Amino acid sequence: MNQVRIIGGEWRRQLIKFPDSAGLRPTPDRVRETLFNWLGQDLTGRVCLDLFAGSGALGFEAASRGATRVVMVERDAKVMAALKENARRLKMPATVEFVTTDALKYAVSCKTPFDVLFADPPYRQGWLDRLEPLLDRLLLPDGAFYAEAECPVANLGAWQTTRQGQAGQVYFHLLHLSPPTQQESGVAA
């Protein structure tokens, strides 16, 4: 089994174990530390979606830092079993939910928007482009979208990169919804 350590919050220093699986690459500690510096260390009151849960590093970090609700979506049954076992072992509250399905199917059927969306999809499969038309349904207007990719991302539709970094060959981004321009909002200049 592979493992990563939760780096902050209530379950700090606890290990998350996960099986080998094609394309599964946990977000490195240094990148998670940067991300949660951007988001704020305390996620109390926030509702989070880890759309490509994989190791669960992002979702478990959010839960550890007080997120009110965390939904982890993973299609691989073996990986999902490890996520559930980690939650059981760590005694995670029932506010951490697990959904075994394809990320796009979940995104299309999602009825309630989230405060924070984590997306670390398999590379070179066009996942971020496929998610772009669904972002307005997945996120609240003042929400934050964290995305990892194999190349820099300036924007996804109206969602603009406000912070970014690179660790090795991984580019990571925090995106927010652009406010409408005066012309778009109907206000004369």
N, C-alpha and C. Protein backbone atom coordinates (compact mmCIF):
# COMPACT_ATOMS: atom_id res chain seq x y z
N MET A 1 0.83 -1.19 0.00
CA MET A 1 0.00 0.00 0.00
C MET A 1 0.88 1.25 0.00
N ASN A 2 0.44 2.25 -0.74
CA ASN A 2 1.08 3.57 -0.75
C ASN A 2 0.46 4.39 0.37
N GLN A 3 1.11 5.47 0.76
CA GLN A 3 0.54 6.29 1.82
C GLN A 3 1.00 7.73 1.71
N VAL A 4 0.14 8.63 2.22
CA VAL A 4 0.46 10.05 2.38
C VAL A 4 -0.01 10.45 3.78
N ARG A 5 0.52 11.54 4.26
CA ARG A 5 0.19 12.01 5.59
C ARG A 5 -0.69 13.25 5.50
N ILE A 6 -1.72 13.31 6.33
CA ILE A 6 -2.53 14.53 6.44
C ILE A 6 -1.64 15.58 7.10
N ILE A 7 -1.59 16.78 6.54
CA ILE A 7 -0.62 17.76 7.03
C ILE A 7 -1.18 18.82 7.95
N GLY A 8 -2.51 18.91 8.09
CA GLY A 8 -3.06 19.93 8.97
C GLY A 8 -4.39 19.55 9.58
N GLY A 9 -4.79 20.26 10.61
CA GLY A 9 -6.09 20.07 11.21
C GLY A 9 -6.15 18.95 12.24
N GLU A 10 -7.36 18.49 12.50
CA GLU A 10 -7.63 17.51 13.55
C GLU A 10 -6.88 16.19 13.36
N TRP A 11 -6.74 15.73 12.13
CA TRP A 11 -6.09 14.45 11.86
C TRP A 11 -4.65 14.62 11.36
N ARG A 12 -4.06 15.76 11.68
CA ARG A 12 -2.68 16.04 11.28
C ARG A 12 -1.75 14.88 11.67
N ARG A 13 -0.86 14.56 10.79
CA ARG A 13 0.15 13.49 10.93
C ARG A 13 -0.41 12.08 10.77
N GLN A 14 -1.71 11.94 10.56
CA GLN A 14 -2.29 10.61 10.34
C GLN A 14 -2.04 10.18 8.90
N LEU A 15 -1.84 8.89 8.71
CA LEU A 15 -1.55 8.35 7.38
C LEU A 15 -2.83 7.94 6.66
N ILE A 16 -2.84 8.20 5.37
CA ILE A 16 -3.89 7.74 4.46
C ILE A 16 -3.21 6.71 3.57
N LYS A 17 -3.79 5.51 3.50
CA LYS A 17 -3.22 4.45 2.67
C LYS A 17 -4.09 4.25 1.44
N PHE A 18 -3.44 3.94 0.32
CA PHE A 18 -4.19 3.75 -0.92
C PHE A 18 -3.48 2.73 -1.80
N PRO A 19 -4.24 2.00 -2.62
CA PRO A 19 -3.66 0.97 -3.48
C PRO A 19 -3.07 1.56 -4.76
N ASP A 20 -2.25 0.77 -5.43
CA ASP A 20 -1.78 1.17 -6.76
C ASP A 20 -2.98 1.20 -7.69
N SER A 21 -3.05 2.20 -8.51
CA SER A 21 -4.11 2.32 -9.50
C SER A 21 -3.60 3.23 -10.61
N ALA A 22 -3.90 2.88 -11.85
CA ALA A 22 -3.44 3.67 -13.00
C ALA A 22 -3.88 5.12 -12.87
N GLY A 23 -2.93 6.03 -13.01
CA GLY A 23 -3.22 7.47 -12.99
C GLY A 23 -3.39 8.06 -11.61
N LEU A 24 -3.34 7.24 -10.55
CA LEU A 24 -3.51 7.77 -9.19
C LEU A 24 -2.19 8.34 -8.71
N ARG A 25 -2.19 9.65 -8.48
CA ARG A 25 -0.99 10.33 -7.99
C ARG A 25 -1.45 11.36 -6.96
N PRO A 26 -1.20 11.08 -5.68
CA PRO A 26 -1.66 12.00 -4.65
C PRO A 26 -1.00 13.37 -4.76
N THR A 27 -1.75 14.38 -4.40
CA THR A 27 -1.21 15.74 -4.38
C THR A 27 -0.10 15.79 -3.33
N PRO A 28 1.10 16.22 -3.73
CA PRO A 28 2.24 16.24 -2.79
C PRO A 28 1.99 17.17 -1.59
N ASP A 29 2.66 16.85 -0.47
CA ASP A 29 2.53 17.64 0.77
C ASP A 29 2.73 19.12 0.52
N ARG A 30 3.79 19.47 -0.19
CA ARG A 30 4.12 20.88 -0.42
C ARG A 30 3.01 21.61 -1.18
N VAL A 31 2.41 20.92 -2.14
CA VAL A 31 1.32 21.52 -2.92
C VAL A 31 0.07 21.66 -2.05
N ARG A 32 -0.24 20.64 -1.24
CA ARG A 32 -1.39 20.73 -0.34
C ARG A 32 -1.20 21.86 0.67
N GLU A 33 0.01 22.00 1.16
CA GLU A 33 0.28 23.09 2.11
C GLU A 33 0.02 24.45 1.45
N THR A 34 0.48 24.61 0.22
CA THR A 34 0.24 25.87 -0.51
C THR A 34 -1.26 26.07 -0.74
N LEU A 35 -1.95 25.04 -1.19
CA LEU A 35 -3.39 25.14 -1.44
C LEU A 35 -4.13 25.59 -0.19
N PHE A 36 -3.85 24.98 0.96
CA PHE A 36 -4.59 25.34 2.16
C PHE A 36 -4.13 26.66 2.76
N ASN A 37 -2.97 27.14 2.37
CA ASN A 37 -2.61 28.52 2.69
C ASN A 37 -3.47 29.47 1.87
N TRP A 38 -3.70 29.13 0.60
CA TRP A 38 -4.55 29.95 -0.26
C TRP A 38 -6.00 29.97 0.23
N LEU A 39 -6.52 28.79 0.59
CA LEU A 39 -7.93 28.66 1.00
C LEU A 39 -8.17 29.14 2.42
N GLY A 40 -7.12 29.11 3.22
CA GLY A 40 -7.25 29.36 4.65
C GLY A 40 -7.16 28.02 5.37
N GLN A 41 -6.56 28.02 6.52
CA GLN A 41 -6.33 26.77 7.24
C GLN A 41 -7.61 26.17 7.82
N ASP A 42 -8.60 27.01 8.10
CA ASP A 42 -9.83 26.55 8.72
C ASP A 42 -10.95 26.59 7.68
N LEU A 43 -11.51 25.43 7.38
CA LEU A 43 -12.59 25.36 6.39
C LEU A 43 -13.96 25.19 7.05
N THR A 44 -14.06 25.54 8.33
CA THR A 44 -15.32 25.42 9.05
C THR A 44 -16.43 26.14 8.27
N GLY A 45 -17.54 25.45 8.11
CA GLY A 45 -18.69 26.02 7.41
C GLY A 45 -18.67 25.81 5.91
N ARG A 46 -17.57 25.31 5.38
CA ARG A 46 -17.49 25.12 3.93
C ARG A 46 -17.88 23.70 3.54
N VAL A 47 -18.48 23.59 2.36
CA VAL A 47 -18.89 22.32 1.80
C VAL A 47 -17.98 22.06 0.59
N CYS A 48 -17.31 20.90 0.60
CA CYS A 48 -16.27 20.61 -0.39
C CYS A 48 -16.58 19.37 -1.20
N LEU A 49 -16.15 19.39 -2.45
CA LEU A 49 -16.28 18.25 -3.36
C LEU A 49 -14.89 17.87 -3.86
N ASP A 50 -14.49 16.63 -3.60
CA ASP A 50 -13.25 16.07 -4.13
C ASP A 50 -13.68 15.17 -5.27
N LEU A 51 -13.69 15.72 -6.49
CA LEU A 51 -14.34 15.08 -7.64
C LEU A 51 -13.58 13.88 -8.19
N PHE A 52 -12.28 13.86 -8.07
CA PHE A 52 -11.46 12.73 -8.50
C PHE A 52 -10.67 12.29 -7.27
N ALA A 53 -11.34 11.70 -6.30
CA ALA A 53 -10.78 11.53 -4.96
C ALA A 53 -9.46 10.78 -4.93
N GLY A 54 -9.31 9.70 -5.67
CA GLY A 54 -8.04 8.96 -5.67
C GLY A 54 -7.59 8.59 -4.28
N SER A 55 -6.45 9.10 -3.85
CA SER A 55 -5.93 8.79 -2.51
C SER A 55 -6.79 9.41 -1.41
N GLY A 56 -7.55 10.43 -1.75
CA GLY A 56 -8.36 11.14 -0.77
C GLY A 56 -7.62 12.24 -0.05
N ALA A 57 -6.38 12.50 -0.45
CA ALA A 57 -5.55 13.49 0.26
C ALA A 57 -6.25 14.85 0.37
N LEU A 58 -6.86 15.33 -0.70
CA LEU A 58 -7.49 16.65 -0.66
C LEU A 58 -8.77 16.64 0.18
N GLY A 59 -9.62 15.65 -0.01
CA GLY A 59 -10.85 15.56 0.75
C GLY A 59 -10.61 15.35 2.24
N PHE A 60 -9.67 14.46 2.58
CA PHE A 60 -9.36 14.23 3.99
C PHE A 60 -8.73 15.46 4.63
N GLU A 61 -7.91 16.19 3.88
CA GLU A 61 -7.34 17.46 4.40
C GLU A 61 -8.46 18.44 4.71
N ALA A 62 -9.44 18.55 3.80
CA ALA A 62 -10.55 19.48 4.01
C ALA A 62 -11.35 19.08 5.25
N ALA A 63 -11.63 17.78 5.40
CA ALA A 63 -12.37 17.30 6.57
C ALA A 63 -11.57 17.56 7.84
N SER A 64 -10.27 17.31 7.79
CA SER A 64 -9.40 17.51 8.95
C SER A 64 -9.38 18.98 9.37
N ARG A 65 -9.59 19.87 8.42
CA ARG A 65 -9.56 21.31 8.69
C ARG A 65 -10.95 21.89 8.95
N GLY A 66 -11.91 21.02 9.24
CA GLY A 66 -13.21 21.48 9.72
C GLY A 66 -14.31 21.67 8.69
N ALA A 67 -14.12 21.23 7.44
CA ALA A 67 -15.19 21.39 6.45
C ALA A 67 -16.48 20.77 7.00
N THR A 68 -17.59 21.44 6.78
CA THR A 68 -18.88 20.99 7.27
C THR A 68 -19.32 19.70 6.59
N ARG A 69 -18.98 19.59 5.30
CA ARG A 69 -19.34 18.40 4.52
C ARG A 69 -18.28 18.23 3.44
N VAL A 70 -17.88 16.98 3.21
CA VAL A 70 -16.94 16.66 2.15
C VAL A 70 -17.51 15.47 1.37
N VAL A 71 -17.65 15.63 0.07
CA VAL A 71 -18.09 14.54 -0.79
C VAL A 71 -16.89 14.11 -1.63
N MET A 72 -16.56 12.81 -1.55
CA MET A 72 -15.45 12.26 -2.34
C MET A 72 -16.03 11.35 -3.40
N VAL A 73 -15.71 11.65 -4.66
CA VAL A 73 -16.20 10.88 -5.80
C VAL A 73 -15.02 10.10 -6.39
N GLU A 74 -15.21 8.79 -6.55
CA GLU A 74 -14.17 7.93 -7.11
C GLU A 74 -14.86 6.78 -7.83
N ARG A 75 -14.42 6.47 -9.04
CA ARG A 75 -15.08 5.41 -9.81
C ARG A 75 -14.46 4.03 -9.59
N ASP A 76 -13.20 3.96 -9.17
CA ASP A 76 -12.52 2.68 -8.99
C ASP A 76 -12.93 2.05 -7.66
N ALA A 77 -13.54 0.88 -7.69
CA ALA A 77 -14.05 0.23 -6.48
C ALA A 77 -12.95 -0.09 -5.47
N LYS A 78 -11.79 -0.51 -5.94
CA LYS A 78 -10.68 -0.84 -5.04
C LYS A 78 -10.18 0.42 -4.33
N VAL A 79 -10.07 1.51 -5.06
CA VAL A 79 -9.63 2.78 -4.48
C VAL A 79 -10.70 3.30 -3.51
N MET A 80 -11.98 3.16 -3.88
CA MET A 80 -13.07 3.59 -3.00
C MET A 80 -13.06 2.80 -1.69
N ALA A 81 -12.80 1.51 -1.77
CA ALA A 81 -12.73 0.69 -0.55
C ALA A 81 -11.64 1.21 0.38
N ALA A 82 -10.50 1.62 -0.17
CA ALA A 82 -9.41 2.18 0.65
C ALA A 82 -9.82 3.52 1.26
N LEU A 83 -10.54 4.35 0.51
CA LEU A 83 -11.02 5.63 1.04
C LEU A 83 -11.93 5.39 2.26
N LYS A 84 -12.86 4.47 2.11
CA LYS A 84 -13.80 4.18 3.20
C LYS A 84 -13.06 3.59 4.41
N GLU A 85 -12.08 2.74 4.16
CA GLU A 85 -11.30 2.16 5.26
C GLU A 85 -10.52 3.25 5.99
N ASN A 86 -9.94 4.18 5.25
CA ASN A 86 -9.23 5.30 5.89
C ASN A 86 -10.18 6.11 6.76
N ALA A 87 -11.36 6.40 6.26
CA ALA A 87 -12.34 7.18 7.02
C ALA A 87 -12.74 6.43 8.28
N ARG A 88 -12.94 5.12 8.17
CA ARG A 88 -13.31 4.31 9.34
C ARG A 88 -12.18 4.32 10.37
N ARG A 89 -10.96 4.10 9.91
CA ARG A 89 -9.80 4.05 10.80
C ARG A 89 -9.56 5.39 11.50
N LEU A 90 -9.77 6.49 10.79
CA LEU A 90 -9.58 7.82 11.36
C LEU A 90 -10.79 8.31 12.15
N LYS A 91 -11.87 7.51 12.11
CA LYS A 91 -13.12 7.90 12.79
C LYS A 91 -13.65 9.23 12.26
N MET A 92 -13.63 9.35 10.93
CA MET A 92 -14.16 10.55 10.28
C MET A 92 -15.66 10.63 10.53
N PRO A 93 -16.19 11.81 10.67
CA PRO A 93 -17.63 11.95 10.91
C PRO A 93 -18.44 11.60 9.65
N ALA A 94 -19.73 11.42 9.86
CA ALA A 94 -20.64 11.08 8.75
C ALA A 94 -20.75 12.21 7.74
N THR A 95 -20.17 13.37 8.05
CA THR A 95 -20.21 14.48 7.10
C THR A 95 -19.26 14.25 5.93
N VAL A 96 -18.44 13.19 6.00
CA VAL A 96 -17.60 12.80 4.87
C VAL A 96 -18.38 11.71 4.13
N GLU A 97 -18.74 12.01 2.88
CA GLU A 97 -19.58 11.11 2.08
C GLU A 97 -18.76 10.55 0.92
N PHE A 98 -19.09 9.32 0.52
CA PHE A 98 -18.38 8.65 -0.56
C PHE A 98 -19.38 8.27 -1.65
N VAL A 99 -19.02 8.58 -2.89
CA VAL A 99 -19.87 8.26 -4.03
C VAL A 99 -19.02 7.53 -5.06
N THR A 100 -19.43 6.29 -5.36
CA THR A 100 -18.71 5.50 -6.35
C THR A 100 -19.38 5.70 -7.70
N THR A 101 -18.79 6.54 -8.52
CA THR A 101 -19.32 6.80 -9.86
C THR A 101 -18.27 7.57 -10.65
N ASP A 102 -18.55 7.77 -11.90
CA ASP A 102 -17.71 8.58 -12.78
C ASP A 102 -17.89 10.06 -12.42
N ALA A 103 -16.80 10.79 -12.41
CA ALA A 103 -16.83 12.21 -12.02
C ALA A 103 -17.80 13.02 -12.87
N LEU A 104 -17.81 12.80 -14.16
CA LEU A 104 -18.69 13.57 -15.04
C LEU A 104 -20.16 13.24 -14.77
N LYS A 105 -20.47 11.97 -14.54
CA LYS A 105 -21.85 11.59 -14.20
C LYS A 105 -22.29 12.28 -12.92
N TYR A 106 -21.41 12.32 -11.94
CA TYR A 106 -21.75 13.00 -10.69
C TYR A 106 -21.97 14.49 -10.95
N ALA A 107 -21.05 15.09 -11.69
CA ALA A 107 -21.13 16.53 -11.96
C ALA A 107 -22.44 16.89 -12.67
N VAL A 108 -22.85 16.08 -13.63
CA VAL A 108 -24.07 16.34 -14.38
C VAL A 108 -25.30 16.22 -13.48
N SER A 109 -25.27 15.26 -12.55
CA SER A 109 -26.44 15.02 -11.70
C SER A 109 -26.45 15.87 -10.42
N CYS A 110 -25.39 16.60 -10.16
CA CYS A 110 -25.26 17.39 -8.93
C CYS A 110 -26.34 18.47 -8.87
N LYS A 111 -27.03 18.52 -7.72
CA LYS A 111 -28.11 19.48 -7.58
C LYS A 111 -27.78 20.62 -6.61
N THR A 112 -26.78 20.42 -5.77
CA THR A 112 -26.43 21.42 -4.78
C THR A 112 -24.99 21.88 -5.00
N PRO A 113 -24.75 23.19 -5.16
CA PRO A 113 -23.39 23.66 -5.40
C PRO A 113 -22.53 23.63 -4.14
N PHE A 114 -21.23 23.62 -4.34
CA PHE A 114 -20.24 23.52 -3.27
C PHE A 114 -19.49 24.84 -3.11
N ASP A 115 -18.85 24.99 -1.95
CA ASP A 115 -17.98 26.14 -1.70
C ASP A 115 -16.62 25.94 -2.34
N VAL A 116 -16.13 24.70 -2.30
CA VAL A 116 -14.79 24.38 -2.82
C VAL A 116 -14.88 23.10 -3.64
N LEU A 117 -14.30 23.12 -4.81
CA LEU A 117 -14.21 21.95 -5.68
C LEU A 117 -12.74 21.64 -5.90
N PHE A 118 -12.35 20.41 -5.58
CA PHE A 118 -11.00 19.92 -5.84
C PHE A 118 -11.06 19.01 -7.07
N ALA A 119 -10.21 19.26 -8.05
CA ALA A 119 -10.17 18.41 -9.24
C ALA A 119 -8.72 18.11 -9.61
N ASP A 120 -8.34 16.86 -9.42
CA ASP A 120 -7.02 16.37 -9.82
C ASP A 120 -7.27 15.17 -10.73
N PRO A 121 -7.77 15.45 -11.94
CA PRO A 121 -8.17 14.36 -12.83
C PRO A 121 -6.98 13.70 -13.53
N PRO A 122 -7.21 12.51 -14.11
CA PRO A 122 -6.16 11.91 -14.95
C PRO A 122 -5.78 12.89 -16.06
N TYR A 123 -4.50 12.93 -16.35
CA TYR A 123 -4.00 13.86 -17.35
C TYR A 123 -4.28 13.37 -18.77
N ARG A 124 -4.24 14.34 -19.70
CA ARG A 124 -4.36 14.12 -21.13
C ARG A 124 -5.64 13.40 -21.55
N GLN A 125 -6.71 13.67 -20.80
CA GLN A 125 -8.00 13.08 -21.14
C GLN A 125 -9.09 14.14 -21.29
N GLY A 126 -8.71 15.42 -21.21
CA GLY A 126 -9.66 16.50 -21.42
C GLY A 126 -10.69 16.70 -20.33
N TRP A 127 -10.41 16.21 -19.11
CA TRP A 127 -11.38 16.32 -18.03
C TRP A 127 -11.74 17.76 -17.68
N LEU A 128 -10.76 18.63 -17.57
CA LEU A 128 -11.08 20.01 -17.17
C LEU A 128 -11.95 20.69 -18.22
N ASP A 129 -11.69 20.43 -19.49
CA ASP A 129 -12.53 21.01 -20.54
C ASP A 129 -13.96 20.47 -20.46
N ARG A 130 -14.11 19.18 -20.11
CA ARG A 130 -15.44 18.59 -19.99
C ARG A 130 -16.19 19.13 -18.76
N LEU A 131 -15.44 19.49 -17.73
CA LEU A 131 -16.06 20.03 -16.51
C LEU A 131 -16.45 21.49 -16.65
N GLU A 132 -15.74 22.22 -17.50
CA GLU A 132 -15.93 23.68 -17.60
C GLU A 132 -17.40 24.09 -17.74
N PRO A 133 -18.22 23.46 -18.61
CA PRO A 133 -19.61 23.90 -18.71
C PRO A 133 -20.45 23.59 -17.47
N LEU A 134 -19.93 22.76 -16.57
CA LEU A 134 -20.68 22.36 -15.38
C LEU A 134 -20.26 23.13 -14.12
N LEU A 135 -19.25 23.97 -14.23
CA LEU A 135 -18.73 24.65 -13.03
C LEU A 135 -19.76 25.52 -12.34
N ASP A 136 -20.62 26.18 -13.10
CA ASP A 136 -21.62 27.05 -12.48
C ASP A 136 -22.65 26.25 -11.68
N ARG A 137 -22.84 24.99 -12.02
CA ARG A 137 -23.77 24.14 -11.26
C ARG A 137 -23.06 23.50 -10.07
N LEU A 138 -21.75 23.30 -10.19
CA LEU A 138 -20.98 22.64 -9.13
C LEU A 138 -20.53 23.58 -8.02
N LEU A 139 -20.36 24.86 -8.35
CA LEU A 139 -19.79 25.82 -7.40
C LEU A 139 -20.70 27.01 -7.17
N LEU A 140 -20.69 27.48 -5.93
CA LEU A 140 -21.37 28.74 -5.61
C LEU A 140 -20.62 29.88 -6.30
N PRO A 141 -21.27 31.00 -6.58
CA PRO A 141 -20.60 32.11 -7.26
C PRO A 141 -19.33 32.59 -6.56
N ASP A 142 -19.29 32.51 -5.23
CA ASP A 142 -18.09 32.93 -4.51
C ASP A 142 -17.20 31.74 -4.15
N GLY A 143 -17.43 30.61 -4.81
CA GLY A 143 -16.67 29.39 -4.55
C GLY A 143 -15.26 29.43 -5.10
N ALA A 144 -14.50 28.41 -4.73
CA ALA A 144 -13.11 28.27 -5.18
C ALA A 144 -12.96 26.93 -5.88
N PHE A 145 -12.27 26.94 -7.01
CA PHE A 145 -12.03 25.74 -7.80
C PHE A 145 -10.53 25.49 -7.84
N TYR A 146 -10.11 24.36 -7.25
CA TYR A 146 -8.71 23.96 -7.28
C TYR A 146 -8.55 22.90 -8.36
N ALA A 147 -7.61 23.12 -9.28
CA ALA A 147 -7.40 22.18 -10.38
C ALA A 147 -5.92 21.89 -10.57
N GLU A 148 -5.61 20.62 -10.76
CA GLU A 148 -4.26 20.20 -11.14
C GLU A 148 -4.31 19.77 -12.60
N ALA A 149 -3.23 20.06 -13.32
CA ALA A 149 -3.20 19.74 -14.74
C ALA A 149 -1.76 19.53 -15.18
N GLU A 150 -1.62 19.02 -16.39
CA GLU A 150 -0.30 18.78 -16.96
C GLU A 150 0.27 20.03 -17.64
N CYS A 151 -0.53 21.11 -17.68
CA CYS A 151 -0.08 22.35 -18.29
C CYS A 151 -0.76 23.52 -17.57
N PRO A 152 -0.25 24.74 -17.74
CA PRO A 152 -0.88 25.90 -17.09
C PRO A 152 -2.30 26.12 -17.62
N VAL A 153 -3.18 26.58 -16.74
CA VAL A 153 -4.57 26.89 -17.09
C VAL A 153 -4.84 28.34 -16.70
N ALA A 154 -5.12 29.18 -17.68
CA ALA A 154 -5.41 30.59 -17.40
C ALA A 154 -6.85 30.77 -16.94
N ASN A 155 -7.75 30.01 -17.55
CA ASN A 155 -9.16 30.11 -17.20
C ASN A 155 -9.89 28.88 -17.73
N LEU A 156 -11.06 28.68 -17.18
CA LEU A 156 -12.01 27.68 -17.67
C LEU A 156 -13.34 28.42 -17.77
N GLY A 157 -13.66 28.89 -18.96
CA GLY A 157 -14.83 29.72 -19.14
C GLY A 157 -14.66 31.00 -18.34
N ALA A 158 -15.65 31.31 -17.50
CA ALA A 158 -15.61 32.54 -16.69
C ALA A 158 -14.78 32.36 -15.42
N TRP A 159 -14.31 31.17 -15.16
CA TRP A 159 -13.50 30.90 -13.97
C TRP A 159 -12.04 31.20 -14.29
N GLN A 160 -11.48 32.18 -13.59
CA GLN A 160 -10.13 32.68 -13.85
C GLN A 160 -9.14 32.18 -12.80
N THR A 161 -7.95 31.83 -13.23
CA THR A 161 -6.90 31.45 -12.30
C THR A 161 -6.46 32.68 -11.53
N THR A 162 -6.56 32.60 -10.21
CA THR A 162 -6.15 33.72 -9.35
C THR A 162 -4.83 33.42 -8.64
N ARG A 163 -4.50 32.14 -8.52
CA ARG A 163 -3.22 31.72 -7.94
C ARG A 163 -2.80 30.46 -8.67
N GLN A 164 -1.48 30.30 -8.81
CA GLN A 164 -0.99 29.11 -9.50
C GLN A 164 0.42 28.78 -9.05
N GLY A 165 0.80 27.55 -9.30
CA GLY A 165 2.14 27.10 -8.96
C GLY A 165 2.50 25.88 -9.78
N GLN A 166 3.72 25.45 -9.63
CA GLN A 166 4.20 24.27 -10.34
C GLN A 166 5.10 23.49 -9.39
N ALA A 167 4.90 22.17 -9.38
CA ALA A 167 5.74 21.26 -8.61
C ALA A 167 6.12 20.12 -9.54
N GLY A 168 7.36 20.13 -9.99
CA GLY A 168 7.77 19.13 -10.98
C GLY A 168 7.00 19.36 -12.26
N GLN A 169 6.30 18.32 -12.72
CA GLN A 169 5.53 18.43 -13.96
C GLN A 169 4.05 18.71 -13.70
N VAL A 170 3.71 18.99 -12.45
CA VAL A 170 2.33 19.27 -12.07
C VAL A 170 2.11 20.78 -11.96
N TYR A 171 1.09 21.27 -12.64
CA TYR A 171 0.68 22.66 -12.52
C TYR A 171 -0.58 22.67 -11.65
N PHE A 172 -0.61 23.55 -10.66
CA PHE A 172 -1.78 23.61 -9.80
C PHE A 172 -2.31 25.04 -9.78
N HIS A 173 -3.64 25.14 -9.69
CA HIS A 173 -4.32 26.41 -9.89
C HIS A 173 -5.48 26.58 -8.92
N LEU A 174 -5.72 27.80 -8.51
CA LEU A 174 -6.92 28.15 -7.77
C LEU A 174 -7.68 29.14 -8.65
N LEU A 175 -8.90 28.79 -8.98
CA LEU A 175 -9.72 29.61 -9.86
C LEU A 175 -10.93 30.16 -9.12
N HIS A 176 -11.33 31.36 -9.51
CA HIS A 176 -12.53 32.00 -8.98
C HIS A 176 -13.34 32.55 -10.14
N LEU A 177 -14.61 32.72 -9.92
CA LEU A 177 -15.49 33.27 -10.94
C LEU A 177 -15.18 34.74 -11.14
N SER A 178 -15.01 35.12 -12.39
CA SER A 178 -14.75 36.53 -12.71
C SER A 178 -16.02 37.32 -12.50
N PRO A 179 -15.92 38.49 -11.88
CA PRO A 179 -17.12 39.33 -11.79
C PRO A 179 -17.48 39.80 -13.19
N PRO A 180 -18.78 39.95 -13.47
CA PRO A 180 -19.15 40.43 -14.80
C PRO A 180 -18.63 41.85 -15.02
N THR A 181 -18.30 42.14 -16.25
CA THR A 181 -17.87 43.51 -16.56
C THR A 181 -19.09 44.41 -16.49
N GLN A 182 -18.88 45.71 -16.48
CA GLN A 182 -20.01 46.65 -16.38
C GLN A 182 -20.96 46.44 -17.56
N GLN A 183 -20.40 46.18 -18.74
CA GLN A 183 -21.23 46.02 -19.92
C GLN A 183 -22.06 44.74 -19.78
N GLU A 184 -21.45 43.64 -19.30
CA GLU A 184 -22.18 42.37 -19.14
C GLU A 184 -23.28 42.48 -18.10
N SER A 185 -23.06 43.27 -17.05
CA SER A 185 -24.06 43.37 -15.97
C SER A 185 -25.16 44.39 -16.30
N GLY A 186 -25.04 45.03 -17.43
CA GLY A 186 -26.07 45.97 -17.86
C GLY A 186 -25.85 47.38 -17.29
N VAL A 187 -24.74 47.64 -16.65
CA VAL A 187 -24.43 48.95 -16.08
C VAL A 187 -23.68 49.75 -17.16
N ALA A 188 -24.15 50.93 -17.44
CA ALA A 188 -23.49 51.78 -18.43
C ALA A 188 -22.21 52.35 -17.83
N ALA A 189 -21.19 52.45 -18.66
CA ALA A 189 -19.90 52.99 -18.20
C ALA A 189 -19.93 54.49 -18.14
